[in-house]
């Protein structure tokens, strides 16, 4: 696995854990602004990285329409 793939895999896994924790907290009635901001930031990072590293131009082409 190349460095770029490893970085993407780590970010995806980190965000998965973050979202799992957030889902549990929300389900328990706990809503923390910092946790929401962290999740939104992580999803923004993933969105950007997926577009930049996509093996095809399809995603990029759709986002510019």
PDB file of N, CA and C in Angstrom:
ATOM      1  N   UNK A   1       0.859  -1.172   0.000  1.00  0.00           N
ATOM      2  CA  UNK A   1       0.000   0.000   0.000  1.00  0.00           C
ATOM      3  C   UNK A   1       0.900   1.228   0.000  1.00  0.00           C
ATOM      4  N   UNK A   2       0.667   2.120  -0.959  1.00  0.00           N
ATOM      5  CA  UNK A   2       1.450   3.336  -1.043  1.00  0.00           C
ATOM      6  C   UNK A   2       1.077   4.320   0.053  1.00  0.00           C
ATOM      7  N   UNK A   3       1.904   5.329   0.220  1.00  0.00           N
ATOM      8  CA  UNK A   3       1.672   6.337   1.251  1.00  0.00           C
ATOM      9  C   UNK A   3       0.330   7.034   1.070  1.00  0.00           C
ATOM     10  N   UNK A   4      -0.001   7.378  -0.176  1.00  0.00           N
ATOM     11  CA  UNK A   4      -1.275   8.054  -0.437  1.00  0.00           C
ATOM     12  C   UNK A   4      -2.452   7.172  -0.030  1.00  0.00           C
ATOM     13  N   UNK A   5      -2.388   5.894  -0.375  1.00  0.00           N
ATOM     14  CA  UNK A   5      -3.455   4.966  -0.002  1.00  0.00           C
ATOM     15  C   UNK A   5      -3.517   4.767   1.506  1.00  0.00           C
ATOM     16  N   UNK A   6      -2.363   4.676   2.133  1.00  0.00           N
ATOM     17  CA  UNK A   6      -2.323   4.507   3.586  1.00  0.00           C
ATOM     18  C   UNK A   6      -2.920   5.720   4.287  1.00  0.00           C
ATOM     19  N   UNK A   7      -2.585   6.910   3.817  1.00  0.00           N
ATOM     20  CA  UNK A   7      -3.133   8.136   4.406  1.00  0.00           C
ATOM     21  C   UNK A   7      -4.652   8.171   4.272  1.00  0.00           C
ATOM     22  N   UNK A   8      -5.152   7.806   3.106  1.00  0.00           N
ATOM     23  CA  UNK A   8      -6.595   7.791   2.886  1.00  0.00           C
ATOM     24  C   UNK A   8      -7.259   6.748   3.777  1.00  0.00           C
ATOM     25  N   UNK A   9      -6.667   5.574   3.875  1.00  0.00           N
ATOM     26  CA  UNK A   9      -7.232   4.517   4.713  1.00  0.00           C
ATOM     27  C   UNK A   9      -7.289   4.942   6.179  1.00  0.00           C
ATOM     28  N   UNK A  10      -6.236   5.589   6.650  1.00  0.00           N
ATOM     29  CA  UNK A  10      -6.207   6.058   8.040  1.00  0.00           C
ATOM     30  C   UNK A  10      -7.285   7.110   8.271  1.00  0.00           C
ATOM     31  N   UNK A  11      -7.412   8.050   7.357  1.00  0.00           N
ATOM     32  CA  UNK A  11      -8.427   9.096   7.493  1.00  0.00           C
ATOM     33  C   UNK A  11      -9.835   8.498   7.469  1.00  0.00           C
ATOM     34  N   UNK A  12     -10.073   7.551   6.581  1.00  0.00           N
ATOM     35  CA  UNK A  12     -11.388   6.909   6.513  1.00  0.00           C
ATOM     36  C   UNK A  12     -11.703   6.160   7.806  1.00  0.00           C
ATOM     37  N   UNK A  13     -10.736   5.427   8.316  1.00  0.00           N
ATOM     38  CA  UNK A  13     -10.951   4.664   9.553  1.00  0.00           C
ATOM     39  C   UNK A  13     -11.149   5.595  10.747  1.00  0.00           C
ATOM     40  N   UNK A  14     -10.341   6.651  10.826  1.00  0.00           N
ATOM     41  CA  UNK A  14     -10.462   7.620  11.924  1.00  0.00           C
ATOM     42  C   UNK A  14     -11.852   8.261  11.907  1.00  0.00           C
ATOM     43  N   UNK A  15     -12.316   8.600  10.728  1.00  0.00           N
ATOM     44  CA  UNK A  15     -13.631   9.226  10.608  1.00  0.00           C
ATOM     45  C   UNK A  15     -14.736   8.234  10.937  1.00  0.00           C
ATOM     46  N   UNK A  16     -14.545   6.992  10.552  1.00  0.00           N
ATOM     47  CA  UNK A  16     -15.532   5.966  10.892  1.00  0.00           C
ATOM     48  C   UNK A  16     -15.681   5.865  12.407  1.00  0.00           C
ATOM     49  N   UNK A  17     -14.565   5.832  13.122  1.00  0.00           N
ATOM     50  CA  UNK A  17     -14.612   5.754  14.584  1.00  0.00           C
ATOM     51  C   UNK A  17     -15.279   6.998  15.171  1.00  0.00           C
ATOM     52  N   UNK A  18     -14.923   8.148  14.640  1.00  0.00           N
ATOM     53  CA  UNK A  18     -15.495   9.401  15.116  1.00  0.00           C
ATOM     54  C   UNK A  18     -17.013   9.404  14.924  1.00  0.00           C
ATOM     55  N   UNK A  19     -17.467   8.961  13.745  1.00  0.00           N
ATOM     56  CA  UNK A  19     -18.903   8.922  13.469  1.00  0.00           C
ATOM     57  C   UNK A  19     -19.611   7.865  14.314  1.00  0.00           C
ATOM     58  N   UNK A  20     -18.953   6.738  14.566  1.00  0.00           N
ATOM     59  CA  UNK A  20     -19.532   5.725  15.449  1.00  0.00           C
ATOM     60  C   UNK A  20     -19.759   6.306  16.841  1.00  0.00           C
ATOM     61  N   UNK A  21     -18.751   6.992  17.367  1.00  0.00           N
ATOM     62  CA  UNK A  21     -18.868   7.617  18.686  1.00  0.00           C
ATOM     63  C   UNK A  21     -19.963   8.680  18.700  1.00  0.00           C
ATOM     64  N   UNK A  22     -20.010   9.496  17.652  1.00  0.00           N
ATOM     65  CA  UNK A  22     -21.012  10.552  17.573  1.00  0.00           C
ATOM     66  C   UNK A  22     -22.421   9.958  17.516  1.00  0.00           C
ATOM     67  N   UNK A  23     -22.601   8.904  16.746  1.00  0.00           N
ATOM     68  CA  UNK A  23     -23.914   8.257  16.653  1.00  0.00           C
ATOM     69  C   UNK A  23     -24.351   7.727  18.019  1.00  0.00           C
ATOM     70  N   UNK A  24     -23.423   7.140  18.756  1.00  0.00           N
ATOM     71  CA  UNK A  24     -23.736   6.634  20.091  1.00  0.00           C
ATOM     72  C   UNK A  24     -24.135   7.777  21.019  1.00  0.00           C
ATOM     73  N   UNK A  25     -23.366   8.873  20.987  1.00  0.00           N
ATOM     74  CA  UNK A  25     -23.655  10.019  21.850  1.00  0.00           C
ATOM     75  C   UNK A  25     -25.009  10.638  21.519  1.00  0.00           C
ATOM     76  N   UNK A  26     -25.282  10.819  20.238  1.00  0.00           N
ATOM     77  CA  UNK A  26     -26.560  11.410  19.821  1.00  0.00           C
ATOM     78  C   UNK A  26     -27.715  10.492  20.234  1.00  0.00           C
ATOM     79  N   UNK A  27     -27.527   9.195  20.053  1.00  0.00           N
ATOM     80  CA  UNK A  27     -28.558   8.239  20.455  1.00  0.00           C
ATOM     81  C   UNK A  27     -28.838   8.270  21.951  1.00  0.00           C
ATOM     82  N   UNK A  28     -27.824   8.636  22.727  1.00  0.00           N
ATOM     83  CA  UNK A  28     -27.973   8.727  24.180  1.00  0.00           C
ATOM     84  C   UNK A  28     -28.461  10.109  24.618  1.00  0.00           C
ATOM     85  N   UNK A  29     -28.734  10.973  23.642  1.00  0.00           N
ATOM     86  CA  UNK A  29     -29.249  12.300  23.966  1.00  0.00           C
ATOM     87  C   UNK A  29     -28.186  13.337  24.255  1.00  0.00           C
ATOM     88  N   UNK A  30     -26.929  13.013  23.971  1.00  0.00           N
ATOM     89  CA  UNK A  30     -25.835  13.967  24.207  1.00  0.00           C
ATOM     90  C   UNK A  30     -25.401  14.551  22.872  1.00  0.00           C
ATOM     91  N   UNK A  31     -25.490  15.867  22.767  1.00  0.00           N
ATOM     92  CA  UNK A  31     -25.101  16.564  21.533  1.00  0.00           C
ATOM     93  C   UNK A  31     -24.082  17.626  21.911  1.00  0.00           C
ATOM     94  N   UNK A  32     -22.852  17.444  21.444  1.00  0.00           N
ATOM     95  CA  UNK A  32     -21.766  18.357  21.774  1.00  0.00           C
ATOM     96  C   UNK A  32     -21.316  19.088  20.510  1.00  0.00           C
ATOM     97  N   UNK A  33     -21.278  20.407  20.573  1.00  0.00           N
ATOM     98  CA  UNK A  33     -20.919  21.211  19.397  1.00  0.00           C
ATOM     99  C   UNK A  33     -19.524  20.874  18.887  1.00  0.00           C
ATOM    100  N   UNK A  34     -18.584  20.622  19.792  1.00  0.00           N
ATOM    101  CA  UNK A  34     -17.217  20.288  19.366  1.00  0.00           C
ATOM    102  C   UNK A  34     -17.179  18.966  18.606  1.00  0.00           C
ATOM    103  N   UNK A  35     -17.958  17.994  19.064  1.00  0.00           N
ATOM    104  CA  UNK A  35     -18.009  16.703  18.372  1.00  0.00           C
ATOM    105  C   UNK A  35     -18.633  16.847  16.987  1.00  0.00           C
ATOM    106  N   UNK A  36     -19.671  17.669  16.887  1.00  0.00           N
ATOM    107  CA  UNK A  36     -20.303  17.905  15.593  1.00  0.00           C
ATOM    108  C   UNK A  36     -19.326  18.590  14.642  1.00  0.00           C
ATOM    109  N   UNK A  37     -18.588  19.566  15.150  1.00  0.00           N
ATOM    110  CA  UNK A  37     -17.614  20.281  14.314  1.00  0.00           C
ATOM    111  C   UNK A  37     -16.499  19.342  13.865  1.00  0.00           C
ATOM    112  N   UNK A  38     -16.025  18.485  14.765  1.00  0.00           N
ATOM    113  CA  UNK A  38     -14.970  17.532  14.408  1.00  0.00           C
ATOM    114  C   UNK A  38     -15.449  16.577  13.320  1.00  0.00           C
ATOM    115  N   UNK A  39     -16.679  16.111  13.428  1.00  0.00           N
ATOM    116  CA  UNK A  39     -17.229  15.208  12.412  1.00  0.00           C
ATOM    117  C   UNK A  39     -17.368  15.920  11.075  1.00  0.00           C
ATOM    118  N   UNK A  40     -17.872  17.138  11.099  1.00  0.00           N
ATOM    119  CA  UNK A  40     -18.036  17.895   9.854  1.00  0.00           C
ATOM    120  C   UNK A  40     -16.688  18.162   9.195  1.00  0.00           C
ATOM    121  N   UNK A  41     -15.690  18.507   9.990  1.00  0.00           N
ATOM    122  CA  UNK A  41     -14.351  18.766   9.455  1.00  0.00           C
ATOM    123  C   UNK A  41     -13.760  17.502   8.841  1.00  0.00           C
ATOM    124  N   UNK A  42     -13.893  16.383   9.530  1.00  0.00           N
ATOM    125  CA  UNK A  42     -13.370  15.116   9.009  1.00  0.00           C
ATOM    126  C   UNK A  42     -14.055  14.743   7.699  1.00  0.00           C
ATOM    127  N   UNK A  43     -15.364  14.943   7.618  1.00  0.00           N
ATOM    128  CA  UNK A  43     -16.087  14.628   6.383  1.00  0.00           C
ATOM    129  C   UNK A  43     -15.681  15.558   5.247  1.00  0.00           C
ATOM    130  N   UNK A  44     -15.424  16.826   5.561  1.00  0.00           N
ATOM    131  CA  UNK A  44     -14.916  17.755   4.542  1.00  0.00           C
ATOM    132  C   UNK A  44     -13.566  17.285   4.011  1.00  0.00           C
ATOM    133  N   UNK A  45     -12.679  16.863   4.924  1.00  0.00           N
ATOM    134  CA  UNK A  45     -11.350  16.384   4.527  1.00  0.00           C
ATOM    135  C   UNK A  45     -11.466  15.150   3.634  1.00  0.00           C
ATOM    136  N   UNK A  46     -12.337  14.226   4.016  1.00  0.00           N
ATOM    137  CA  UNK A  46     -12.527  13.013   3.219  1.00  0.00           C
ATOM    138  C   UNK A  46     -13.066  13.355   1.842  1.00  0.00           C
ATOM    139  N   UNK A  47     -14.040  14.225   1.791  1.00  0.00           N
ATOM    140  CA  UNK A  47     -14.626  14.623   0.511  1.00  0.00           C
ATOM    141  C   UNK A  47     -13.562  15.184  -0.424  1.00  0.00           C
ATOM    142  N   UNK A  48     -12.746  16.070   0.090  1.00  0.00           N
ATOM    143  CA  UNK A  48     -11.684  16.675  -0.714  1.00  0.00           C
ATOM    144  C   UNK A  48     -10.664  15.624  -1.157  1.00  0.00           C
ATOM    145  N   UNK A  49     -10.225  14.796  -0.222  1.00  0.00           N
ATOM    146  CA  UNK A  49      -9.211  13.794  -0.537  1.00  0.00           C
ATOM    147  C   UNK A  49      -9.729  12.766  -1.539  1.00  0.00           C
ATOM    148  N   UNK A  50     -10.983  12.368  -1.417  1.00  0.00           N
ATOM    149  CA  UNK A  50     -11.552  11.418  -2.378  1.00  0.00           C
ATOM    150  C   UNK A  50     -11.598  12.015  -3.774  1.00  0.00           C
ATOM    151  N   UNK A  51     -11.946  13.279  -3.856  1.00  0.00           N
ATOM    152  CA  UNK A  51     -11.976  13.929  -5.172  1.00  0.00           C
ATOM    153  C   UNK A  51     -10.569  14.047  -5.759  1.00  0.00           C
ATOM    154  N   UNK A  52      -9.600  14.351  -4.910  1.00  0.00           N
ATOM    155  CA  UNK A  52      -8.219  14.524  -5.381  1.00  0.00           C
ATOM    156  C   UNK A  52      -7.570  13.211  -5.782  1.00  0.00           C
ATOM    157  N   UNK A  53      -7.955  12.121  -5.160  1.00  0.00           N
ATOM    158  CA  UNK A  53      -7.277  10.845  -5.390  1.00  0.00           C
ATOM    159  C   UNK A  53      -8.115   9.848  -6.179  1.00  0.00           C
ATOM    160  N   UNK A  54      -9.251  10.274  -6.671  1.00  0.00           N
ATOM    161  CA  UNK A  54     -10.125   9.380  -7.422  1.00  0.00           C
ATOM    162  C   UNK A  54      -9.379   8.770  -8.610  1.00  0.00           C
ATOM    163  N   UNK A  55      -9.513   7.443  -8.804  1.00  0.00           N
ATOM    164  CA  UNK A  55      -8.839   6.813  -9.939  1.00  0.00           C
ATOM    165  C   UNK A  55      -9.444   7.211 -11.283  1.00  0.00           C
ATOM    166  N   UNK A  56     -10.624   7.802 -11.258  1.00  0.00           N
ATOM    167  CA  UNK A  56     -11.249   8.283 -12.488  1.00  0.00           C
ATOM    168  C   UNK A  56     -11.658   9.734 -12.297  1.00  0.00           C
ATOM    169  N   UNK A  57     -11.935  10.403 -13.381  1.00  0.00           N
ATOM    170  CA  UNK A  57     -12.337  11.810 -13.317  1.00  0.00           C
ATOM    171  C   UNK A  57     -13.829  11.958 -13.085  1.00  0.00           C
ATOM    172  N   UNK A  58     -14.546  10.868 -12.982  1.00  0.00           N
ATOM    173  CA  UNK A  58     -16.004  10.918 -12.890  1.00  0.00           C
ATOM    174  C   UNK A  58     -16.474  11.764 -11.712  1.00  0.00           C
ATOM    175  N   UNK A  59     -15.901  11.547 -10.542  1.00  0.00           N
ATOM    176  CA  UNK A  59     -16.326  12.291  -9.360  1.00  0.00           C
ATOM    177  C   UNK A  59     -16.042  13.774  -9.550  1.00  0.00           C
ATOM    178  N   UNK A  60     -14.872  14.110 -10.021  1.00  0.00           N
ATOM    179  CA  UNK A  60     -14.499  15.508 -10.221  1.00  0.00           C
ATOM    180  C   UNK A  60     -15.390  16.165 -11.257  1.00  0.00           C
ATOM    181  N   UNK A  61     -15.667  15.455 -12.324  1.00  0.00           N
ATOM    182  CA  UNK A  61     -16.516  16.012 -13.376  1.00  0.00           C
ATOM    183  C   UNK A  61     -17.922  16.295 -12.853  1.00  0.00           C
ATOM    184  N   UNK A  62     -18.463  15.391 -12.049  1.00  0.00           N
ATOM    185  CA  UNK A  62     -19.803  15.595 -11.506  1.00  0.00           C
ATOM    186  C   UNK A  62     -19.837  16.767 -10.544  1.00  0.00           C
ATOM    187  N   UNK A  63     -18.778  16.956  -9.754  1.00  0.00           N
ATOM    188  CA  UNK A  63     -18.781  18.025  -8.761  1.00  0.00           C
ATOM    189  C   UNK A  63     -18.675  19.401  -9.396  1.00  0.00           C
ATOM    190  N   UNK A  64     -18.175  19.489 -10.620  1.00  0.00           N
ATOM    191  CA  UNK A  64     -18.024  20.792 -11.260  1.00  0.00           C
ATOM    192  C   UNK A  64     -19.224  21.170 -12.113  1.00  0.00           C
ATOM    193  N   UNK A  65     -20.223  20.301 -12.179  1.00  0.00           N
ATOM    194  CA  UNK A  65     -21.413  20.602 -12.983  1.00  0.00           C
ATOM    195  C   UNK A  65     -22.339  21.539 -12.249  1.00  0.00           C
TER     196      UNK A  65
END
